[in-house]
Amino acid sequence: MPDPATQPHILVVDDEPNIRDLVQAALRFHGFTVVTARTGNEGLALARTERPDLIVLDVLLPDVNGFDVCRQLRDAQNNVPVIYLTARDTPSDTVTGLSLGGDDYVTKPFSVEALIARIRALLRRSQRGDGDPKEGPVDRPLRVSDLELNESTWTVRRGGTPIELSPTEFRLLSYLMSNAGRVLTRAQLLENVWGWDYAGQSQIVETYISYLRRKLDPLGPPLIHTQRGVGYALRAKDDER
């Protein structure tokens, strides 16, 4: 029998009993430990006391909506991965949820197996930022022009100025810098940064590219360039051909 102490710990916040029970049963079947909440305030309290590895968060809650729950978590420097689970699926809702620090967006009705797959993919990616930098070999920082990213310390600087990035922004920038000078398609970015098939949801790439540009461009010449109809490349102006 698996040791509960080593199983990923998931917090499910949803006011619909049938959805909450379905997700809880599916997660337990797949080897996760689960705690549930019915309201946003209850979810915030459990996020503090239970320290979950990931939160599945409904948006339409009876007290504090899921967007505000995520915002409060991020304001408290809690970077636990968050997957929104909601019937609100307009592009503006998606952009709002992601801009507040959410990592993924699953709309109702949903496939339980697809939700489990996204949870596993997000947990795998988040583990890169949770390890002890003192363990294992120290990675060399990535550098492009005056931009430096260090995966061991999870830090980014441009011209010596620290830049605060969300986990998803950090992964996207890391992938762009690891492939500096190459034009990367939206499909490549979705597969390698988000780790899931976001067919028809390339707006997520555009959204996060815009977030990075807002944080990088005020500190120097633009580094992320658009190849119209193809994708994006990160390169210094001197490297353009």
C-alpha atoms as a PDB file:
ATOM      1  CA  MET A   1       0.000   0.000   0.000  1.00  0.00           C
ATOM      2  CA  PRO A   2       1.422   3.438  -0.943  1.00  0.00           C
ATOM      3  CA  ASP A   3       2.665   5.595   1.900  1.00  0.00           C
ATOM      4  CA  PRO A   4       0.217   8.534   2.249  1.00  0.00           C
ATOM      5  CA  ALA A   5       3.126  10.760   3.235  1.00  0.00           C
ATOM      6  CA  THR A   6       4.640  10.349  -0.226  1.00  0.00           C
ATOM      7  CA  GLN A   7       1.416  10.728  -2.209  1.00  0.00           C
ATOM      8  CA  PRO A   8       0.666  14.084  -3.865  1.00  0.00           C
ATOM      9  CA  HIS A   9      -1.757  16.066  -1.714  1.00  0.00           C
ATOM     10  CA  ILE A  10      -4.608  17.766  -3.593  1.00  0.00           C
ATOM     11  CA  LEU A  11      -7.100  20.359  -2.365  1.00  0.00           C
ATOM     12  CA  VAL A  12     -10.426  20.392  -4.256  1.00  0.00           C
ATOM     13  CA  VAL A  13     -12.563  23.516  -3.797  1.00  0.00           C
ATOM     14  CA  ASP A  14     -16.062  23.265  -5.292  1.00  0.00           C
ATOM     15  CA  ASP A  15     -19.511  24.037  -3.915  1.00  0.00           C
ATOM     16  CA  GLU A  16     -21.263  21.355  -6.006  1.00  0.00           C
ATOM     17  CA  PRO A  17     -21.312  18.115  -3.949  1.00  0.00           C
ATOM     18  CA  ASN A  18     -21.542  15.839  -7.003  1.00  0.00           C
ATOM     19  CA  ILE A  19     -18.517  17.461  -8.691  1.00  0.00           C
ATOM     20  CA  ARG A  20     -16.539  17.565  -5.464  1.00  0.00           C
ATOM     21  CA  ASP A  21     -17.240  13.903  -4.686  1.00  0.00           C
ATOM     22  CA  LEU A  22     -16.514  12.795  -8.270  1.00  0.00           C
ATOM     23  CA  VAL A  23     -13.132  14.537  -8.388  1.00  0.00           C
ATOM     24  CA  GLN A  24     -12.230  13.333  -4.894  1.00  0.00           C
ATOM     25  CA  ALA A  25     -13.056   9.700  -5.722  1.00  0.00           C
ATOM     26  CA  ALA A  26     -11.129   9.834  -9.011  1.00  0.00           C
ATOM     27  CA  LEU A  27      -8.061  11.381  -7.386  1.00  0.00           C
ATOM     28  CA  ARG A  28      -8.017   8.829  -4.587  1.00  0.00           C
ATOM     29  CA  PHE A  29      -8.376   6.010  -7.107  1.00  0.00           C
ATOM     30  CA  HIS A  30      -5.294   7.337  -8.914  1.00  0.00           C
ATOM     31  CA  GLY A  31      -3.190   7.460  -5.749  1.00  0.00           C
ATOM     32  CA  PHE A  32      -3.595  11.032  -4.508  1.00  0.00           C
ATOM     33  CA  THR A  33      -4.536  12.137  -1.029  1.00  0.00           C
ATOM     34  CA  VAL A  34      -7.404  14.612  -1.091  1.00  0.00           C
ATOM     35  CA  VAL A  35      -8.962  17.254   1.116  1.00  0.00           C
ATOM     36  CA  THR A  36     -12.050  19.200   0.014  1.00  0.00           C
ATOM     37  CA  ALA A  37     -13.637  22.576   0.647  1.00  0.00           C
ATOM     38  CA  ARG A  38     -17.053  23.981  -0.230  1.00  0.00           C
ATOM     39  CA  THR A  39     -16.293  27.713  -0.169  1.00  0.00           C
ATOM     40  CA  GLY A  40     -13.507  30.056  -1.101  1.00  0.00           C
ATOM     41  CA  ASN A  41     -12.750  31.043   2.475  1.00  0.00           C
ATOM     42  CA  GLU A  42     -12.644  27.403   3.542  1.00  0.00           C
ATOM     43  CA  GLY A  43     -10.295  26.696   0.650  1.00  0.00           C
ATOM     44  CA  LEU A  44      -7.975  29.546   1.653  1.00  0.00           C
ATOM     45  CA  ALA A  45      -7.849  28.257   5.226  1.00  0.00           C
ATOM     46  CA  LEU A  46      -7.061  24.712   4.091  1.00  0.00           C
ATOM     47  CA  ALA A  47      -4.401  25.984   1.673  1.00  0.00           C
ATOM     48  CA  ARG A  48      -2.608  27.468   4.672  1.00  0.00           C
ATOM     49  CA  THR A  49      -2.984  24.513   7.038  1.00  0.00           C
ATOM     50  CA  GLU A  50      -2.809  21.547   4.639  1.00  0.00           C
ATOM     51  CA  ARG A  51      -0.093  22.908   2.315  1.00  0.00           C
ATOM     52  CA  PRO A  52      -1.406  20.981  -0.725  1.00  0.00           C
ATOM     53  CA  ASP A  53       0.773  20.187  -3.727  1.00  0.00           C
ATOM     54  CA  LEU A  54      -1.965  21.411  -6.082  1.00  0.00           C
ATOM     55  CA  ILE A  55      -5.416  23.011  -5.889  1.00  0.00           C
ATOM     56  CA  VAL A  56      -8.376  22.208  -8.141  1.00  0.00           C
ATOM     57  CA  LEU A  57     -10.417  25.391  -7.807  1.00  0.00           C
ATOM     58  CA  ASP A  58     -13.963  26.175  -8.914  1.00  0.00           C
ATOM     59  CA  VAL A  59     -14.548  29.775 -10.001  1.00  0.00           C
ATOM     60  CA  LEU A  60     -18.229  30.241  -9.114  1.00  0.00           C
ATOM     61  CA  LEU A  61     -18.155  29.804  -5.343  1.00  0.00           C
ATOM     62  CA  PRO A  62     -20.819  31.104  -2.945  1.00  0.00           C
ATOM     63  CA  ASP A  63     -18.569  33.539  -1.068  1.00  0.00           C
ATOM     64  CA  VAL A  64     -15.147  34.396  -2.501  1.00  0.00           C
ATOM     65  CA  ASN A  65     -14.901  33.472  -6.184  1.00  0.00           C
ATOM     66  CA  GLY A  66     -12.058  31.291  -7.410  1.00  0.00           C
ATOM     67  CA  PHE A  67     -10.257  34.151  -9.150  1.00  0.00           C
ATOM     68  CA  ASP A  68     -10.075  36.063  -5.862  1.00  0.00           C
ATOM     69  CA  VAL A  69      -8.954  32.920  -4.018  1.00  0.00           C
ATOM     70  CA  CYS A  70      -6.043  32.538  -6.444  1.00  0.00           C
ATOM     71  CA  ARG A  71      -5.193  36.234  -6.200  1.00  0.00           C
ATOM     72  CA  GLN A  72      -5.084  36.044  -2.403  1.00  0.00           C
ATOM     73  CA  LEU A  73      -2.847  32.987  -2.562  1.00  0.00           C
ATOM     74  CA  ARG A  74      -0.392  34.740  -4.871  1.00  0.00           C
ATOM     75  CA  ASP A  75      -0.478  37.928  -2.780  1.00  0.00           C
ATOM     76  CA  ALA A  76       0.541  35.753   0.178  1.00  0.00           C
ATOM     77  CA  GLN A  77       3.491  34.391  -1.869  1.00  0.00           C
ATOM     78  CA  ASN A  78       1.837  30.970  -2.081  1.00  0.00           C
ATOM     79  CA  ASN A  79       2.794  29.560  -5.505  1.00  0.00           C
ATOM     80  CA  VAL A  80       0.917  26.265  -5.216  1.00  0.00           C
ATOM     81  CA  PRO A  81      -0.197  25.184  -8.723  1.00  0.00           C
ATOM     82  CA  VAL A  82      -3.856  26.018  -9.382  1.00  0.00           C
ATOM     83  CA  ILE A  83      -6.176  24.405 -11.932  1.00  0.00           C
ATOM     84  CA  TYR A  84      -9.466  26.240 -12.384  1.00  0.00           C
ATOM     85  CA  LEU A  85     -12.470  23.950 -12.818  1.00  0.00           C
ATOM     86  CA  THR A  86     -15.404  25.982 -14.078  1.00  0.00           C
ATOM     87  CA  ALA A  87     -18.297  26.411 -16.478  1.00  0.00           C
ATOM     88  CA  ARG A  88     -17.000  29.895 -17.378  1.00  0.00           C
ATOM     89  CA  ASP A  89     -15.094  29.330 -20.605  1.00  0.00           C
ATOM     90  CA  THR A  90     -14.993  32.641 -22.456  1.00  0.00           C
ATOM     91  CA  PRO A  91     -11.579  33.885 -23.628  1.00  0.00           C
ATOM     92  CA  SER A  92     -11.812  36.835 -21.213  1.00  0.00           C
ATOM     93  CA  ASP A  93     -12.422  34.467 -18.281  1.00  0.00           C
ATOM     94  CA  THR A  94      -9.442  32.348 -19.284  1.00  0.00           C
ATOM     95  CA  VAL A  95      -7.171  35.367 -19.564  1.00  0.00           C
ATOM     96  CA  THR A  96      -8.411  36.739 -16.221  1.00  0.00           C
ATOM     97  CA  GLY A  97      -7.802  33.436 -14.446  1.00  0.00           C
ATOM     98  CA  LEU A  98      -4.329  32.989 -15.852  1.00  0.00           C
ATOM     99  CA  SER A  99      -3.328  36.604 -15.263  1.00  0.00           C
ATOM    100  CA  LEU A 100      -4.134  36.179 -11.566  1.00  0.00           C
ATOM    101  CA  GLY A 101      -1.634  33.343 -11.302  1.00  0.00           C
ATOM    102  CA  GLY A 102      -3.603  30.243 -12.264  1.00  0.00           C
ATOM    103  CA  ASP A 103      -1.714  27.528 -14.121  1.00  0.00           C
ATOM    104  CA  ASP A 104      -4.449  25.721 -16.054  1.00  0.00           C
ATOM    105  CA  TYR A 105      -8.120  26.022 -16.951  1.00  0.00           C
ATOM    106  CA  VAL A 106     -10.534  23.077 -17.303  1.00  0.00           C
ATOM    107  CA  THR A 107     -14.132  23.734 -18.301  1.00  0.00           C
ATOM    108  CA  LYS A 108     -17.262  21.862 -17.232  1.00  0.00           C
ATOM    109  CA  PRO A 109     -18.409  19.378 -18.378  1.00  0.00           C
ATOM    110  CA  PHE A 110     -15.004  17.713 -18.299  1.00  0.00           C
ATOM    111  CA  SER A 111     -13.320  14.357 -18.713  1.00  0.00           C
ATOM    112  CA  VAL A 112     -12.069  13.001 -15.377  1.00  0.00           C
ATOM    113  CA  GLU A 113      -9.173  11.236 -17.104  1.00  0.00           C
ATOM    114  CA  ALA A 114      -8.180  14.453 -18.857  1.00  0.00           C
ATOM    115  CA  LEU A 115      -8.263  16.307 -15.540  1.00  0.00           C
ATOM    116  CA  ILE A 116      -6.045  13.658 -13.928  1.00  0.00           C
ATOM    117  CA  ALA A 117      -3.590  13.902 -16.826  1.00  0.00           C
ATOM    118  CA  ARG A 118      -3.376  17.679 -16.458  1.00  0.00           C
ATOM    119  CA  ILE A 119      -2.864  17.381 -12.712  1.00  0.00           C
ATOM    120  CA  ARG A 120      -0.004  14.919 -13.221  1.00  0.00           C
ATOM    121  CA  ALA A 121       1.611  17.113 -15.886  1.00  0.00           C
ATOM    122  CA  LEU A 122       1.368  20.217 -13.718  1.00  0.00           C
ATOM    123  CA  LEU A 123       2.797  18.413 -10.683  1.00  0.00           C
ATOM    124  CA  ARG A 124       5.746  17.166 -12.757  1.00  0.00           C
ATOM    125  CA  ARG A 125       6.505  20.681 -13.949  1.00  0.00           C
ATOM    126  CA  SER A 126       6.110  22.292 -10.530  1.00  0.00           C
ATOM    127  CA  GLN A 127       8.611  19.881  -8.981  1.00  0.00           C
ATOM    128  CA  ARG A 128      11.416  21.655 -10.836  1.00  0.00           C
ATOM    129  CA  GLY A 129      10.911  24.736  -8.711  1.00  0.00           C
ATOM    130  CA  ASP A 130      10.399  22.956  -5.383  1.00  0.00           C
ATOM    131  CA  GLY A 131      13.673  21.075  -5.006  1.00  0.00           C
ATOM    132  CA  ASP A 132      16.543  22.057  -2.786  1.00  0.00           C
ATOM    133  CA  PRO A 133      19.086  23.959  -4.906  1.00  0.00           C
ATOM    134  CA  LYS A 134      21.861  22.425  -2.821  1.00  0.00           C
ATOM    135  CA  GLU A 135      21.015  18.931  -4.035  1.00  0.00           C
ATOM    136  CA  GLY A 136      22.522  17.633  -7.245  1.00  0.00           C
ATOM    137  CA  PRO A 137      24.676  19.493  -9.758  1.00  0.00           C
ATOM    138  CA  VAL A 138      24.319  23.244 -10.012  1.00  0.00           C
ATOM    139  CA  ASP A 139      22.873  24.312 -13.370  1.00  0.00           C
ATOM    140  CA  ARG A 140      24.634  27.048 -15.255  1.00  0.00           C
ATOM    141  CA  PRO A 141      22.470  30.146 -15.670  1.00  0.00           C
ATOM    142  CA  LEU A 142      20.946  30.782 -19.088  1.00  0.00           C
ATOM    143  CA  ARG A 143      22.042  34.103 -20.616  1.00  0.00           C
ATOM    144  CA  VAL A 144      20.806  36.037 -23.626  1.00  0.00           C
ATOM    145  CA  SER A 145      22.144  39.578 -23.937  1.00  0.00           C
ATOM    146  CA  ASP A 146      21.627  41.156 -20.481  1.00  0.00           C
ATOM    147  CA  LEU A 147      18.955  38.634 -19.470  1.00  0.00           C
ATOM    148  CA  GLU A 148      19.929  35.876 -17.025  1.00  0.00           C
ATOM    149  CA  LEU A 149      17.802  32.987 -15.775  1.00  0.00           C
ATOM    150  CA  ASN A 150      19.002  30.562 -13.095  1.00  0.00           C
ATOM    151  CA  GLU A 151      16.933  27.386 -12.772  1.00  0.00           C
ATOM    152  CA  SER A 152      18.757  26.284  -9.617  1.00  0.00           C
ATOM    153  CA  THR A 153      17.755  29.382  -7.668  1.00  0.00           C
ATOM    154  CA  TRP A 154      14.574  30.071  -9.671  1.00  0.00           C
ATOM    155  CA  THR A 155      15.647  33.673 -10.332  1.00  0.00           C
ATOM    156  CA  VAL A 156      15.595  36.006 -13.334  1.00  0.00           C
ATOM    157  CA  ARG A 157      17.510  39.261 -13.797  1.00  0.00           C
ATOM    158  CA  ARG A 158      17.804  41.719 -16.633  1.00  0.00           C
ATOM    159  CA  GLY A 159      20.654  44.184 -16.483  1.00  0.00           C
ATOM    160  CA  GLY A 160      21.056  43.169 -12.858  1.00  0.00           C
ATOM    161  CA  THR A 161      17.415  44.015 -12.010  1.00  0.00           C
ATOM    162  CA  PRO A 162      15.459  41.121 -10.444  1.00  0.00           C
ATOM    163  CA  ILE A 163      12.240  40.159 -12.241  1.00  0.00           C
ATOM    164  CA  GLU A 164       9.409  38.383 -10.446  1.00  0.00           C
ATOM    165  CA  LEU A 165       7.783  35.691 -12.598  1.00  0.00           C
ATOM    166  CA  SER A 166       4.987  33.236 -11.992  1.00  0.00           C
ATOM    167  CA  PRO A 167       5.889  29.532 -12.325  1.00  0.00           C
ATOM    168  CA  THR A 168       4.372  29.377 -15.822  1.00  0.00           C
ATOM    169  CA  GLU A 169       6.113  32.574 -16.932  1.00  0.00           C
ATOM    170  CA  PHE A 170       9.401  31.171 -15.634  1.00  0.00           C
ATOM    171  CA  ARG A 171       8.983  27.888 -17.540  1.00  0.00           C
ATOM    172  CA  LEU A 172       8.083  29.711 -20.745  1.00  0.00           C
ATOM    173  CA  LEU A 173      11.049  32.063 -20.497  1.00  0.00           C
ATOM    174  CA  SER A 174      13.371  29.177 -19.663  1.00  0.00           C
ATOM    175  CA  TYR A 175      12.258  27.263 -22.752  1.00  0.00           C
ATOM    176  CA  LEU A 176      12.631  30.327 -24.977  1.00  0.00           C
ATOM    177  CA  MET A 177      16.120  31.026 -23.618  1.00  0.00           C
ATOM    178  CA  SER A 178      17.163  27.374 -23.950  1.00  0.00           C
ATOM    179  CA  ASN A 179      16.289  27.684 -27.642  1.00  0.00           C
ATOM    180  CA  ALA A 180      17.538  31.237 -28.142  1.00  0.00           C
ATOM    181  CA  GLY A 181      17.560  32.302 -31.781  1.00  0.00           C
ATOM    182  CA  ARG A 182      15.145  29.554 -32.881  1.00  0.00           C
ATOM    183  CA  VAL A 183      11.599  30.286 -33.965  1.00  0.00           C
ATOM    184  CA  LEU A 184       9.366  28.093 -31.813  1.00  0.00           C
ATOM    185  CA  THR A 185       5.863  27.299 -32.973  1.00  0.00           C
ATOM    186  CA  ARG A 186       2.848  27.691 -30.711  1.00  0.00           C
ATOM    187  CA  ALA A 187       2.441  23.912 -30.752  1.00  0.00           C
ATOM    188  CA  GLN A 188       6.030  23.449 -29.543  1.00  0.00           C
ATOM    189  CA  LEU A 189       5.517  25.934 -26.733  1.00  0.00           C
ATOM    190  CA  LEU A 190       2.245  24.330 -25.659  1.00  0.00           C
ATOM    191  CA  GLU A 191       3.751  20.856 -25.615  1.00  0.00           C
ATOM    192  CA  ASN A 192       6.987  21.742 -23.847  1.00  0.00           C
ATOM    193  CA  VAL A 193       5.818  24.426 -21.407  1.00  0.00           C
ATOM    194  CA  TRP A 194       2.283  23.369 -20.600  1.00  0.00           C
ATOM    195  CA  GLY A 195       2.818  19.659 -21.180  1.00  0.00           C
ATOM    196  CA  TRP A 196      -0.652  19.061 -22.550  1.00  0.00           C
ATOM    197  CA  ASP A 197      -2.542  19.208 -25.830  1.00  0.00           C
ATOM    198  CA  TYR A 198      -4.209  22.623 -25.769  1.00  0.00           C
ATOM    199  CA  ALA A 199      -5.692  22.236 -29.256  1.00  0.00           C
ATOM    200  CA  GLY A 200      -7.584  25.388 -30.112  1.00  0.00           C
ATOM    201  CA  GLN A 201      -6.247  27.228 -27.062  1.00  0.00           C
ATOM    202  CA  SER A 202      -3.159  28.901 -28.502  1.00  0.00           C
ATOM    203  CA  GLN A 203      -4.412  32.128 -26.904  1.00  0.00           C
ATOM    204  CA  ILE A 204      -2.688  30.874 -23.756  1.00  0.00           C
ATOM    205  CA  VAL A 205       0.672  31.255 -25.502  1.00  0.00           C
ATOM    206  CA  GLU A 206      -0.148  34.784 -26.667  1.00  0.00           C
ATOM    207  CA  THR A 207      -1.318  35.700 -23.175  1.00  0.00           C
ATOM    208  CA  TYR A 208       1.885  34.569 -21.468  1.00  0.00           C
ATOM    209  CA  ILE A 209       4.133  36.048 -24.152  1.00  0.00           C
ATOM    210  CA  SER A 210       2.454  39.392 -23.471  1.00  0.00           C
ATOM    211  CA  TYR A 211       3.061  38.969 -19.721  1.00  0.00           C
ATOM    212  CA  LEU A 212       6.772  38.348 -20.314  1.00  0.00           C
ATOM    213  CA  ARG A 213       7.081  41.326 -22.641  1.00  0.00           C
ATOM    214  CA  ARG A 214       5.470  43.620 -20.059  1.00  0.00           C
ATOM    215  CA  LYS A 215       8.099  42.582 -17.517  1.00  0.00           C
ATOM    216  CA  LEU A 216      11.158  42.412 -19.792  1.00  0.00           C
ATOM    217  CA  ASP A 217      10.706  45.262 -22.270  1.00  0.00           C
ATOM    218  CA  PRO A 218      10.769  48.165 -19.781  1.00  0.00           C
ATOM    219  CA  LEU A 219      14.314  47.097 -18.843  1.00  0.00           C
ATOM    220  CA  GLY A 220      15.842  47.090 -22.330  1.00  0.00           C
ATOM    221  CA  PRO A 221      15.328  46.450 -26.043  1.00  0.00           C
ATOM    222  CA  PRO A 222      12.685  43.826 -26.910  1.00  0.00           C
ATOM    223  CA  LEU A 223      14.004  40.265 -26.771  1.00  0.00           C
ATOM    224  CA  ILE A 224      10.915  38.232 -27.707  1.00  0.00           C
ATOM    225  CA  HIS A 225      10.115  38.522 -31.408  1.00  0.00           C
ATOM    226  CA  THR A 226       7.023  37.369 -33.289  1.00  0.00           C
ATOM    227  CA  GLN A 227       7.347  35.361 -36.487  1.00  0.00           C
ATOM    228  CA  ARG A 228       3.957  36.081 -37.999  1.00  0.00           C
ATOM    229  CA  GLY A 229       1.917  32.955 -38.608  1.00  0.00           C
ATOM    230  CA  VAL A 230       4.566  30.713 -37.009  1.00  0.00           C
ATOM    231  CA  GLY A 231       5.496  31.507 -33.435  1.00  0.00           C
ATOM    232  CA  TYR A 232       8.109  33.303 -31.350  1.00  0.00           C
ATOM    233  CA  ALA A 233      11.865  33.577 -30.940  1.00  0.00           C
ATOM    234  CA  LEU A 234      13.967  35.046 -28.143  1.00  0.00           C
ATOM    235  CA  ARG A 235      17.088  36.795 -29.376  1.00  0.00           C
ATOM    236  CA  ALA A 236      19.032  40.009 -28.867  1.00  0.00           C
ATOM    237  CA  LYS A 237      18.670  42.700 -31.496  1.00  0.00           C
ATOM    238  CA  ASP A 238      22.280  42.159 -32.579  1.00  0.00           C
ATOM    239  CA  ASP A 239      21.449  38.529 -33.379  1.00  0.00           C
ATOM    240  CA  GLU A 240      18.739  39.407 -35.939  1.00  0.00           C
ATOM    241  CA  ARG A 241      19.505  38.531 -39.493  1.00  0.00           C
END
